């Protein structure tokens, strides 16, 4: 029997896969195992991003949001500064309302509506729009961001949820309890549903335009939905959220609200492959209530203001609750605070990438 001569060279070993942020993020949206847990921060475009204040010294928020080159610049800043796995577009949730005929001002306290919508006649004056045409600056900015990132990080589009947009329109400004909005909802349900049907139609078109422009995921921010009971949400909001989330195609969908511990099941039924949870609830308990969905969250952003020790402890606690299960996207419970130290944010991302490995991984 002949023996093949040896060369002294070890057999070649296939190199391990190197994941990009985009691949990692989109795998989590599909509840597939990736190399580690992806991370991004809500409201990261602007706020704490190094370089954003320099932009604001020269341009208004609306100017940045409606100028594709400036919007792309603001959206890219946190990817470079923090090393996150996704760029979320710099776009206020109120933007679709402007071409609908709503005069508003974006202030430090939040949007102010010049003429609140409080009757059937007010709703009838709102315009139906083709978001792909009238909000094309957002699509153009997405194209710029996607081209610049070239797959290094995912691109997330966004829109306001139906209850939140309706509440802003009715209240006319930020509100603690959305009492005026709920009064219209209870007292004139026909007008309420007419308004939400219109907002839902516009929102669905807006999200689809962002997907068509290259967004790999879209998030529906129904930030104020937590002021409703599960019964009221199911009756007055869920059908409209469902139509939005089930009508868009070609990208992952994330459904998020604050104070929604009592709404998780009904929000999940309305739609969203990933359900975002705020920091007031247990991530593990929330995930158990929405099986078959990814989960996003949920560090309290105040920990980043408290320094690294508090940030590290909170981050490890969130990762422990997630347990390395595929489908977890690390995020804060809501938006990142404007005065967050960028170095702390970047260090958090590095910790998640280092320790958010799949269960059993080295």
Protein backbone atom coordinates (compact mmCIF):
# COMPACT_ATOMS: atom_id res chain seq x y z
CA UNK A 1 0.00 0.00 0.00
CA UNK A 2 1.49 3.32 -0.97
CA UNK A 3 1.43 6.31 1.34
CA UNK A 4 1.11 9.80 -0.02
CA UNK A 5 4.04 11.99 0.91
CA UNK A 6 3.44 14.69 3.49
CA UNK A 7 4.33 18.30 2.79
CA UNK A 8 4.39 19.55 6.37
CA UNK A 9 1.58 21.99 5.60
CA UNK A 10 -1.59 21.89 7.72
CA UNK A 11 -4.90 21.49 5.90
CA UNK A 12 -6.48 24.77 4.93
CA UNK A 13 -9.19 25.97 7.29
CA UNK A 14 -12.13 27.84 5.85
CA UNK A 15 -12.16 31.37 7.21
CA UNK A 16 -14.97 32.19 9.59
CA UNK A 17 -17.68 34.45 8.23
CA UNK A 18 -17.21 38.15 8.84
CA UNK A 19 -20.59 39.76 9.45
CA UNK A 20 -21.49 43.27 8.46
CA UNK A 21 -23.78 45.37 10.60
CA UNK A 22 -26.49 45.14 7.95
CA UNK A 23 -26.32 41.34 7.84
CA UNK A 24 -26.36 41.11 11.63
CA UNK A 25 -29.32 43.48 11.98
CA UNK A 26 -31.45 41.91 9.25
CA UNK A 27 -30.74 38.40 10.55
CA UNK A 28 -32.07 39.46 13.94
CA UNK A 29 -35.20 40.85 12.29
CA UNK A 30 -35.75 37.39 10.79
CA UNK A 31 -34.96 35.70 14.14
CA UNK A 32 -31.94 34.02 12.60
CA UNK A 33 -28.69 33.38 14.44
CA UNK A 34 -25.95 35.92 13.73
CA UNK A 35 -22.46 36.35 15.12
CA UNK A 36 -23.68 38.67 17.88
CA UNK A 37 -26.50 40.98 18.91
CA UNK A 38 -27.06 44.03 16.69
CA UNK A 39 -27.49 47.43 18.31
CA UNK A 40 -28.76 50.88 17.38
CA UNK A 41 -30.29 53.78 19.32
CA UNK A 42 -33.65 55.38 18.67
CA UNK A 43 -33.24 59.08 17.83
CA UNK A 44 -29.52 58.52 17.23
CA UNK A 45 -29.69 60.67 14.06
CA UNK A 46 -29.06 64.02 15.70
CA UNK A 47 -29.15 64.43 19.44
CA UNK A 48 -25.96 62.90 20.86
CA UNK A 49 -24.15 62.44 17.55
CA UNK A 50 -20.82 64.27 17.34
CA UNK A 51 -21.09 66.81 14.55
CA UNK A 52 -24.86 67.26 14.78
CA UNK A 53 -24.67 70.51 16.71
CA UNK A 54 -22.41 71.95 14.03
CA UNK A 55 -25.10 71.09 11.49
CA UNK A 56 -27.76 72.72 13.64
CA UNK A 57 -25.75 75.92 13.93
CA UNK A 58 -26.17 76.37 10.19
CA UNK A 59 -29.49 74.68 9.44
CA UNK A 60 -32.94 74.21 11.02
CA UNK A 61 -34.30 70.77 11.84
CA UNK A 62 -36.74 70.99 8.95
CA UNK A 63 -34.03 72.13 6.55
CA UNK A 64 -31.86 69.15 7.50
CA UNK A 65 -34.80 66.75 7.23
CA UNK A 66 -35.91 68.00 3.81
CA UNK A 67 -32.50 68.43 2.13
CA UNK A 68 -31.32 64.98 0.99
CA UNK A 69 -27.61 65.69 1.39
CA UNK A 70 -28.03 67.15 4.89
CA UNK A 71 -30.45 64.41 5.93
CA UNK A 72 -28.00 61.75 4.75
CA UNK A 73 -25.16 63.45 6.62
CA UNK A 74 -27.12 63.53 9.89
CA UNK A 75 -28.25 59.92 9.43
CA UNK A 76 -24.68 58.70 8.89
CA UNK A 77 -23.06 60.53 11.81
CA UNK A 78 -23.96 57.98 14.52
CA UNK A 79 -22.85 55.01 12.44
CA UNK A 80 -19.34 56.43 12.33
CA UNK A 81 -19.38 57.81 15.88
CA UNK A 82 -20.92 54.88 17.74
CA UNK A 83 -20.30 51.85 15.49
CA UNK A 84 -24.00 50.90 15.48
CA UNK A 85 -25.37 48.29 13.09
CA UNK A 86 -28.04 50.48 11.50
CA UNK A 87 -28.59 54.04 10.36
CA UNK A 88 -32.05 55.41 11.09
CA UNK A 89 -33.11 58.25 8.85
CA UNK A 90 -33.17 61.81 10.19
CA UNK A 91 -36.87 62.44 9.66
CA UNK A 92 -39.45 63.80 12.08
CA UNK A 93 -42.60 61.67 12.29
CA UNK A 94 -44.67 64.80 11.50
CA UNK A 95 -43.18 65.26 8.03
CA UNK A 96 -45.97 63.54 6.05
CA UNK A 97 -48.49 65.96 7.58
CA UNK A 98 -46.98 69.03 5.93
CA UNK A 99 -47.91 68.13 2.32
CA UNK A 100 -51.30 67.03 3.67
CA UNK A 101 -51.94 70.70 4.41
CA UNK A 102 -50.99 70.90 8.08
CA UNK A 103 -49.09 74.02 9.14
CA UNK A 104 -46.72 73.11 11.96
CA UNK A 105 -43.57 74.27 13.70
CA UNK A 106 -40.91 71.95 15.11
CA UNK A 107 -39.85 73.46 18.45
CA UNK A 108 -37.58 72.32 21.26
CA UNK A 109 -40.71 71.21 23.15
CA UNK A 110 -42.06 69.28 20.18
CA UNK A 111 -44.27 69.97 17.16
CA UNK A 112 -46.87 72.74 17.39
CA UNK A 113 -49.90 72.52 15.06
CA UNK A 114 -51.19 75.88 13.91
CA UNK A 115 -54.81 74.73 13.42
CA UNK A 116 -55.59 71.47 15.31
CA UNK A 117 -57.89 68.93 13.66
CA UNK A 118 -60.97 68.53 15.85
CA UNK A 119 -63.99 67.99 13.61
CA UNK A 120 -65.18 66.10 10.56
CA UNK A 121 -64.80 69.30 8.53
CA UNK A 122 -61.16 69.62 9.67
CA UNK A 123 -60.48 66.03 8.61
CA UNK A 124 -62.12 66.63 5.23
CA UNK A 125 -59.67 69.46 4.53
CA UNK A 126 -56.63 67.16 4.84
CA UNK A 127 -55.09 66.16 1.52
CA UNK A 128 -54.42 62.64 0.32
CA UNK A 129 -50.87 62.60 -0.98
CA UNK A 130 -48.57 60.41 -3.03
CA UNK A 131 -45.75 60.08 -0.50
CA UNK A 132 -43.31 58.78 -3.10
CA UNK A 133 -43.66 62.10 -4.93
CA UNK A 134 -44.29 64.66 -2.22
CA UNK A 135 -41.77 63.22 0.24
CA UNK A 136 -39.22 62.19 -2.36
CA UNK A 137 -36.45 64.02 -0.51
CA UNK A 138 -36.58 61.23 2.09
CA UNK A 139 -36.21 58.57 -0.60
CA UNK A 140 -33.32 60.50 -2.13
CA UNK A 141 -31.61 60.70 1.27
CA UNK A 142 -32.06 56.95 1.77
CA UNK A 143 -30.37 56.34 -1.56
CA UNK A 144 -27.42 58.49 -0.49
CA UNK A 145 -27.12 56.75 2.88
CA UNK A 146 -27.35 53.28 1.38
CA UNK A 147 -24.73 54.13 -1.22
CA UNK A 148 -22.35 55.50 1.40
CA UNK A 149 -22.77 52.57 3.78
CA UNK A 150 -22.44 49.94 1.05
CA UNK A 151 -23.80 47.25 3.37
CA UNK A 152 -21.68 48.14 6.41
CA UNK A 153 -24.86 48.98 8.32
CA UNK A 154 -28.57 48.59 7.67
CA UNK A 155 -30.84 51.50 6.76
CA UNK A 156 -34.01 51.98 8.84
CA UNK A 157 -36.93 54.05 7.60
CA UNK A 158 -39.58 55.35 9.95
CA UNK A 159 -43.06 56.76 10.32
CA UNK A 160 -45.35 57.85 13.13
CA UNK A 161 -48.00 55.41 14.30
CA UNK A 162 -51.67 56.17 13.71
CA UNK A 163 -52.62 57.03 17.31
CA UNK A 164 -49.59 59.28 17.84
CA UNK A 165 -50.10 61.22 14.61
CA UNK A 166 -53.81 61.63 15.28
CA UNK A 167 -53.15 62.74 18.84
CA UNK A 168 -50.66 65.39 17.73
CA UNK A 169 -53.12 66.66 15.13
CA UNK A 170 -55.96 66.88 17.64
CA UNK A 171 -54.03 68.13 20.67
CA UNK A 172 -52.03 70.61 18.61
CA UNK A 173 -48.91 70.09 20.70
CA UNK A 174 -47.24 67.51 22.97
CA UNK A 175 -49.64 66.24 25.63
CA UNK A 176 -49.31 64.31 28.86
CA UNK A 177 -52.56 62.38 28.57
CA UNK A 178 -53.92 62.93 25.03
CA UNK A 179 -57.28 63.80 26.62
CA UNK A 180 -58.60 65.85 23.67
CA UNK A 181 -57.67 63.08 21.24
CA UNK A 182 -59.35 60.42 23.32
CA UNK A 183 -62.44 62.60 23.75
CA UNK A 184 -62.83 62.76 19.95
CA UNK A 185 -62.14 59.03 19.73
CA UNK A 186 -64.89 58.19 22.23
CA UNK A 187 -67.31 60.96 21.29
CA UNK A 188 -67.15 60.86 17.49
CA UNK A 189 -65.77 57.47 16.45
CA UNK A 190 -66.81 57.96 12.82
CA UNK A 191 -64.62 61.05 12.48
CA UNK A 192 -61.84 59.32 14.42
CA UNK A 193 -61.78 56.33 12.08
CA UNK A 194 -61.98 58.55 9.00
CA UNK A 195 -58.91 60.43 10.25
CA UNK A 196 -56.96 57.26 11.04
CA UNK A 197 -57.86 55.67 7.72
CA UNK A 198 -56.41 58.68 5.93
CA UNK A 199 -53.30 58.75 8.12
CA UNK A 200 -52.88 55.01 7.61
CA UNK A 201 -53.10 55.32 3.84
CA UNK A 202 -50.49 58.08 3.76
CA UNK A 203 -48.24 56.30 6.26
CA UNK A 204 -48.30 53.03 4.35
CA UNK A 205 -47.34 54.82 1.14
CA UNK A 206 -44.60 56.72 2.94
CA UNK A 207 -43.08 53.55 4.41
CA UNK A 208 -43.28 51.72 1.10
CA UNK A 209 -41.52 54.60 -0.65
CA UNK A 210 -38.70 54.35 1.90
CA UNK A 211 -38.43 50.61 1.34
CA UNK A 212 -38.40 51.07 -2.44
CA UNK A 213 -35.57 53.58 -1.98
CA UNK A 214 -33.45 51.02 -0.12
CA UNK A 215 -34.48 50.84 3.54
CA UNK A 216 -33.98 47.30 4.82
CA UNK A 217 -36.34 47.82 7.75
CA UNK A 218 -38.97 50.34 8.82
CA UNK A 219 -40.13 51.24 12.30
CA UNK A 220 -43.63 52.43 13.16
CA UNK A 221 -43.28 54.77 16.15
CA UNK A 222 -46.64 54.82 17.97
CA UNK A 223 -45.01 56.53 20.92
CA UNK A 224 -48.24 57.61 22.65
CA UNK A 225 -50.24 54.41 22.21
CA UNK A 226 -49.45 53.44 25.80
CA UNK A 227 -52.06 55.92 27.04
CA UNK A 228 -54.77 53.52 25.80
CA UNK A 229 -56.17 50.37 27.37
CA UNK A 230 -55.78 47.15 25.42
CA UNK A 231 -59.52 47.13 24.70
CA UNK A 232 -59.51 50.68 23.33
CA UNK A 233 -56.35 50.07 21.31
CA UNK A 234 -57.91 46.99 19.75
CA UNK A 235 -61.07 48.88 18.80
CA UNK A 236 -59.79 52.29 17.78
CA UNK A 237 -56.18 51.83 16.61
CA UNK A 238 -55.23 48.23 15.85
CA UNK A 239 -57.16 47.96 12.55
CA UNK A 240 -55.32 50.99 11.19
CA UNK A 241 -51.90 49.88 12.43
CA UNK A 242 -52.57 46.46 10.93
CA UNK A 243 -53.37 47.89 7.51
CA UNK A 244 -50.14 49.90 7.58
CA UNK A 245 -47.84 47.10 8.70
CA UNK A 246 -49.37 44.40 6.52
CA UNK A 247 -49.46 46.52 3.39
CA UNK A 248 -45.74 47.25 3.18
CA UNK A 249 -43.52 44.67 1.53
CA UNK A 250 -39.84 44.12 0.94
CA UNK A 251 -38.43 45.00 4.36
CA UNK A 252 -38.60 44.02 8.02
CA UNK A 253 -41.14 45.86 10.18
CA UNK A 254 -40.65 47.03 13.77
CA UNK A 255 -43.63 48.12 15.89
CA UNK A 256 -42.82 50.33 18.87
CA UNK A 257 -44.60 52.30 21.56
CA UNK A 258 -43.85 53.53 25.07
CA UNK A 259 -45.81 52.53 28.14
CA UNK A 260 -47.21 49.59 26.20
CA UNK A 261 -46.74 46.78 28.71
CA UNK A 262 -50.51 46.27 28.74
CA UNK A 263 -50.74 46.31 24.93
CA UNK A 264 -48.03 43.89 23.83
CA UNK A 265 -50.26 41.10 22.57
CA UNK A 266 -52.69 43.35 20.71
CA UNK A 267 -49.86 45.40 19.21
CA UNK A 268 -48.16 42.21 18.04
CA UNK A 269 -51.44 41.03 16.51
CA UNK A 270 -51.63 44.33 14.63
CA UNK A 271 -48.26 43.57 13.06
CA UNK A 272 -44.51 43.90 13.18
CA UNK A 273 -41.92 41.17 12.84
CA UNK A 274 -40.09 42.85 15.71
CA UNK A 275 -41.83 44.36 18.75
CA UNK A 276 -40.04 47.20 20.52
CA UNK A 277 -40.37 47.39 24.31
CA UNK A 278 -39.54 50.29 26.59
CA UNK A 279 -37.37 50.10 29.69
CA UNK A 280 -40.26 49.95 32.18
CA UNK A 281 -40.84 46.25 31.59
CA UNK A 282 -38.87 43.04 31.67
CA UNK A 283 -37.52 42.15 28.24
CA UNK A 284 -37.72 38.42 29.01
CA UNK A 285 -41.33 38.66 30.20
CA UNK A 286 -42.30 40.78 27.19
CA UNK A 287 -40.72 38.31 24.77
CA UNK A 288 -42.58 35.42 26.39
CA UNK A 289 -45.85 37.23 25.66
CA UNK A 290 -45.15 37.70 21.94
CA UNK A 291 -43.76 34.34 20.77
CA UNK A 292 -42.74 34.14 17.16
CA UNK A 293 -41.57 37.76 17.07
CA UNK A 294 -38.22 39.43 17.43
CA UNK A 295 -37.82 41.80 20.35
CA UNK A 296 -36.09 45.19 20.48
CA UNK A 297 -34.85 46.99 23.57
CA UNK A 298 -34.67 47.95 26.24
CA UNK A 299 -31.96 49.73 28.30
CA UNK A 300 -33.01 52.84 30.20
CA UNK A 301 -31.23 55.70 28.42
CA UNK A 302 -30.71 57.48 31.76
CA UNK A 303 -28.05 54.89 32.55
CA UNK A 304 -25.83 56.39 29.86
CA UNK A 305 -26.13 59.75 31.61
CA UNK A 306 -25.11 58.11 34.91
CA UNK A 307 -21.75 56.95 33.58
CA UNK A 308 -20.13 53.74 32.50
CA UNK A 309 -20.67 51.66 35.63
CA UNK A 310 -24.46 52.09 35.48
CA UNK A 311 -24.46 51.62 31.70
CA UNK A 312 -22.42 48.43 31.88
CA UNK A 313 -24.59 46.90 34.60
CA UNK A 314 -27.81 47.70 32.74
CA UNK A 315 -26.46 46.43 29.43
CA UNK A 316 -25.39 43.12 30.92
CA UNK A 317 -28.81 42.75 32.57
CA UNK A 318 -30.60 43.25 29.24
CA UNK A 319 -28.32 40.75 27.51
CA UNK A 320 -28.96 38.25 30.30
CA UNK A 321 -32.72 38.58 29.84
CA UNK A 322 -32.33 38.10 26.07
CA UNK A 323 -30.33 34.96 26.77
CA UNK A 324 -28.54 34.92 23.41
CA UNK A 325 -31.76 33.97 21.61
CA UNK A 326 -31.88 34.90 17.92
CA UNK A 327 -34.15 37.84 17.25
CA UNK A 328 -32.90 40.31 19.85
CA UNK A 329 -32.03 43.83 18.69
CA UNK A 330 -30.39 45.83 21.45
CA UNK A 331 -31.72 49.36 21.85
CA UNK A 332 -32.73 51.84 24.50
CA UNK A 333 -36.24 51.93 25.92
CA UNK A 334 -36.81 55.15 23.95
CA UNK A 335 -34.69 57.89 22.39
CA UNK A 336 -31.09 58.57 23.32
CA UNK A 337 -30.72 61.71 25.47
CA UNK A 338 -29.14 64.72 23.71
CA UNK A 339 -26.38 65.12 26.32
CA UNK A 340 -25.26 61.48 26.29
CA UNK A 341 -21.48 61.14 26.22
CA UNK A 342 -20.64 59.73 22.76
CA UNK A 343 -17.76 57.74 24.27
CA UNK A 344 -20.20 55.95 26.60
CA UNK A 345 -22.52 55.15 23.69
CA UNK A 346 -19.67 53.71 21.65
CA UNK A 347 -18.41 51.69 24.59
CA UNK A 348 -21.92 50.27 25.06
CA UNK A 349 -22.01 49.14 21.42
CA UNK A 350 -18.64 47.47 21.83
CA UNK A 351 -19.85 45.65 24.95
CA UNK A 352 -22.99 44.37 23.20
CA UNK A 353 -20.95 43.14 20.26
CA UNK A 354 -18.46 41.44 22.57
CA UNK A 355 -20.94 39.77 24.90
CA UNK A 356 -24.19 39.51 22.97
CA UNK A 357 -23.16 36.23 21.37
CA UNK A 358 -25.64 33.48 20.51
CA UNK A 359 -26.19 30.94 23.26
CA UNK A 360 -23.32 28.48 23.32
CA UNK A 361 -21.04 30.56 21.11
CA UNK A 362 -17.44 31.08 22.05
